[in-house]
Amino acid sequence: MIAVTKQDLIAFCYGTSFAADIIRQTKKLMIEKGPTYDQSRKLDRVPREAVEELLGIRLSDHTDD
């Protein structure tokens, strides 16, 4: 699993608060899909595939580094 953080989204030119909103919404989406995702508020990484699904775009491989 390739994870995305708030800092990764900021590097993609999303604003700080919008990047945090994306992480929050992605966590909510993952929780709704099933119990396999941790609901911890301190967890700041989400799967790249889930972010791509939420945003409806494909992120470049920039986060693979």
N, C-alpha and C. Protein backbone atom coordinates (compact mmCIF):
# COMPACT_ATOMS: atom_id res chain seq x y z
N MET A 1 0.85 -1.17 0.00
CA MET A 1 0.00 0.00 0.00
C MET A 1 0.89 1.24 0.00
N ILE A 2 0.60 2.14 -0.89
CA ILE A 2 1.30 3.42 -0.92
C ILE A 2 0.43 4.41 -0.17
N ALA A 3 1.02 5.04 0.83
CA ALA A 3 0.28 5.96 1.68
C ALA A 3 0.52 7.41 1.26
N VAL A 4 -0.48 8.24 1.54
CA VAL A 4 -0.41 9.67 1.26
C VAL A 4 -0.61 10.40 2.58
N THR A 5 0.19 11.44 2.78
CA THR A 5 0.06 12.26 3.98
C THR A 5 -0.40 13.66 3.58
N LYS A 6 -0.70 14.45 4.58
CA LYS A 6 -1.09 15.84 4.35
C LYS A 6 0.05 16.58 3.64
N GLN A 7 1.27 16.31 4.02
CA GLN A 7 2.42 16.97 3.39
C GLN A 7 2.55 16.59 1.92
N ASP A 8 2.23 15.35 1.59
CA ASP A 8 2.23 14.93 0.18
C ASP A 8 1.22 15.74 -0.62
N LEU A 9 0.04 15.92 -0.06
CA LEU A 9 -1.00 16.67 -0.76
C LEU A 9 -0.62 18.14 -0.90
N ILE A 10 0.04 18.69 0.10
CA ILE A 10 0.53 20.07 0.01
C ILE A 10 1.56 20.17 -1.12
N ALA A 11 2.39 19.14 -1.28
CA ALA A 11 3.37 19.13 -2.37
C ALA A 11 2.68 19.09 -3.74
N PHE A 12 1.45 18.58 -3.80
CA PHE A 12 0.65 18.57 -5.02
C PHE A 12 -0.11 19.88 -5.20
N CYS A 13 0.25 20.89 -4.41
CA CYS A 13 -0.31 22.25 -4.50
C CYS A 13 -1.71 22.39 -3.92
N TYR A 14 -2.12 21.50 -3.05
CA TYR A 14 -3.36 21.70 -2.30
C TYR A 14 -3.02 22.55 -1.08
N GLY A 15 -3.94 23.39 -0.66
CA GLY A 15 -3.72 24.22 0.51
C GLY A 15 -3.67 23.37 1.78
N THR A 16 -3.14 23.95 2.83
CA THR A 16 -2.96 23.23 4.09
C THR A 16 -4.28 22.71 4.65
N SER A 17 -5.27 23.57 4.74
CA SER A 17 -6.55 23.13 5.32
C SER A 17 -7.29 22.19 4.38
N PHE A 18 -7.17 22.42 3.05
CA PHE A 18 -7.83 21.52 2.11
C PHE A 18 -7.18 20.14 2.14
N ALA A 19 -5.86 20.09 2.28
CA ALA A 19 -5.15 18.81 2.39
C ALA A 19 -5.62 18.05 3.63
N ALA A 20 -5.78 18.76 4.74
CA ALA A 20 -6.27 18.12 5.98
C ALA A 20 -7.70 17.61 5.78
N ASP A 21 -8.52 18.38 5.07
CA ASP A 21 -9.90 17.94 4.78
C ASP A 21 -9.91 16.68 3.92
N ILE A 22 -9.01 16.62 2.95
CA ILE A 22 -8.93 15.43 2.08
C ILE A 22 -8.57 14.21 2.91
N ILE A 23 -7.59 14.34 3.80
CA ILE A 23 -7.20 13.22 4.66
C ILE A 23 -8.39 12.80 5.53
N ARG A 24 -9.07 13.76 6.13
CA ARG A 24 -10.21 13.48 7.00
C ARG A 24 -11.33 12.77 6.23
N GLN A 25 -11.66 13.26 5.05
CA GLN A 25 -12.73 12.67 4.24
C GLN A 25 -12.34 11.28 3.76
N THR A 26 -11.07 11.09 3.44
CA THR A 26 -10.61 9.77 3.00
C THR A 26 -10.70 8.77 4.14
N LYS A 27 -10.32 9.19 5.35
CA LYS A 27 -10.45 8.29 6.51
C LYS A 27 -11.91 7.90 6.73
N LYS A 28 -12.80 8.87 6.59
CA LYS A 28 -14.23 8.59 6.75
C LYS A 28 -14.70 7.60 5.70
N LEU A 29 -14.26 7.77 4.46
CA LEU A 29 -14.61 6.85 3.38
C LEU A 29 -14.11 5.44 3.68
N MET A 30 -12.88 5.33 4.15
CA MET A 30 -12.30 4.02 4.46
C MET A 30 -13.04 3.34 5.61
N ILE A 31 -13.44 4.11 6.61
CA ILE A 31 -14.18 3.55 7.74
C ILE A 31 -15.53 3.03 7.28
N GLU A 32 -16.19 3.76 6.39
CA GLU A 32 -17.50 3.34 5.87
C GLU A 32 -17.39 2.06 5.06
N LYS A 33 -16.26 1.85 4.40
CA LYS A 33 -16.08 0.67 3.55
C LYS A 33 -15.89 -0.61 4.37
N GLY A 34 -15.42 -0.49 5.58
CA GLY A 34 -15.23 -1.70 6.36
C GLY A 34 -14.39 -1.49 7.59
N PRO A 35 -14.42 -2.45 8.48
CA PRO A 35 -13.74 -2.33 9.77
C PRO A 35 -12.23 -2.55 9.70
N THR A 36 -11.67 -2.67 8.52
CA THR A 36 -10.23 -2.95 8.43
C THR A 36 -9.38 -1.70 8.55
N TYR A 37 -10.00 -0.54 8.64
CA TYR A 37 -9.24 0.70 8.72
C TYR A 37 -9.32 1.27 10.12
N ASP A 38 -8.19 1.75 10.63
CA ASP A 38 -8.10 2.30 11.98
C ASP A 38 -8.75 3.69 12.03
N GLN A 39 -9.55 3.94 13.06
CA GLN A 39 -10.25 5.20 13.20
C GLN A 39 -9.46 6.23 14.01
N SER A 40 -8.22 5.96 14.28
CA SER A 40 -7.40 6.85 15.10
C SER A 40 -7.30 8.24 14.50
N ARG A 41 -7.49 9.25 15.34
CA ARG A 41 -7.37 10.64 14.88
C ARG A 41 -5.93 10.99 14.58
N LYS A 42 -4.99 10.28 15.20
CA LYS A 42 -3.58 10.60 15.01
C LYS A 42 -2.99 9.94 13.77
N LEU A 43 -3.73 9.03 13.19
CA LEU A 43 -3.25 8.38 11.97
C LEU A 43 -3.29 9.39 10.84
N ASP A 44 -2.13 9.74 10.30
CA ASP A 44 -2.08 10.79 9.29
C ASP A 44 -1.74 10.29 7.90
N ARG A 45 -1.84 9.00 7.70
CA ARG A 45 -1.57 8.40 6.38
C ARG A 45 -2.80 7.64 5.92
N VAL A 46 -3.10 7.82 4.65
CA VAL A 46 -4.23 7.10 4.05
C VAL A 46 -3.76 6.49 2.73
N PRO A 47 -4.39 5.42 2.28
CA PRO A 47 -3.98 4.80 1.02
C PRO A 47 -4.16 5.74 -0.17
N ARG A 48 -3.17 5.74 -1.04
CA ARG A 48 -3.24 6.61 -2.23
C ARG A 48 -4.47 6.28 -3.07
N GLU A 49 -4.81 5.00 -3.20
CA GLU A 49 -5.96 4.60 -3.99
C GLU A 49 -7.25 5.23 -3.46
N ALA A 50 -7.36 5.33 -2.14
CA ALA A 50 -8.56 5.92 -1.53
C ALA A 50 -8.63 7.42 -1.81
N VAL A 51 -7.49 8.09 -1.78
CA VAL A 51 -7.45 9.53 -2.09
C VAL A 51 -7.83 9.74 -3.55
N GLU A 52 -7.30 8.90 -4.43
CA GLU A 52 -7.63 9.01 -5.84
C GLU A 52 -9.11 8.78 -6.08
N GLU A 53 -9.69 7.84 -5.37
CA GLU A 53 -11.13 7.58 -5.49
C GLU A 53 -11.94 8.78 -5.01
N LEU A 54 -11.54 9.36 -3.91
CA LEU A 54 -12.25 10.51 -3.36
C LEU A 54 -12.17 11.72 -4.29
N LEU A 55 -10.97 12.00 -4.79
CA LEU A 55 -10.78 13.17 -5.64
C LEU A 55 -11.22 12.95 -7.09
N GLY A 56 -11.26 11.68 -7.49
CA GLY A 56 -11.63 11.39 -8.87
C GLY A 56 -10.52 11.66 -9.87
N ILE A 57 -9.27 11.70 -9.37
CA ILE A 57 -8.12 11.90 -10.25
C ILE A 57 -7.03 10.91 -9.87
N ARG A 58 -6.09 10.74 -10.76
CA ARG A 58 -4.94 9.87 -10.48
C ARG A 58 -3.78 10.75 -10.06
N LEU A 59 -3.20 10.46 -8.91
CA LEU A 59 -2.04 11.19 -8.44
C LEU A 59 -0.80 10.63 -9.13
N SER A 60 0.17 11.48 -9.39
CA SER A 60 1.40 11.00 -10.03
C SER A 60 2.17 10.14 -9.05
N ASP A 61 3.23 9.55 -9.51
CA ASP A 61 4.06 8.69 -8.66
C ASP A 61 4.99 9.48 -7.78
N HIS A 62 4.76 10.77 -7.62
CA HIS A 62 5.58 11.63 -6.77
C HIS A 62 5.62 11.12 -5.33
N THR A 63 4.55 10.49 -4.84
CA THR A 63 4.50 10.02 -3.45
C THR A 63 5.25 8.71 -3.26
N ASP A 64 5.76 8.10 -4.35
CA ASP A 64 6.48 6.84 -4.22
C ASP A 64 7.87 7.03 -3.63
N ASP A 65 8.40 8.23 -3.60
CA ASP A 65 9.75 8.49 -3.12
C ASP A 65 9.88 8.22 -1.64
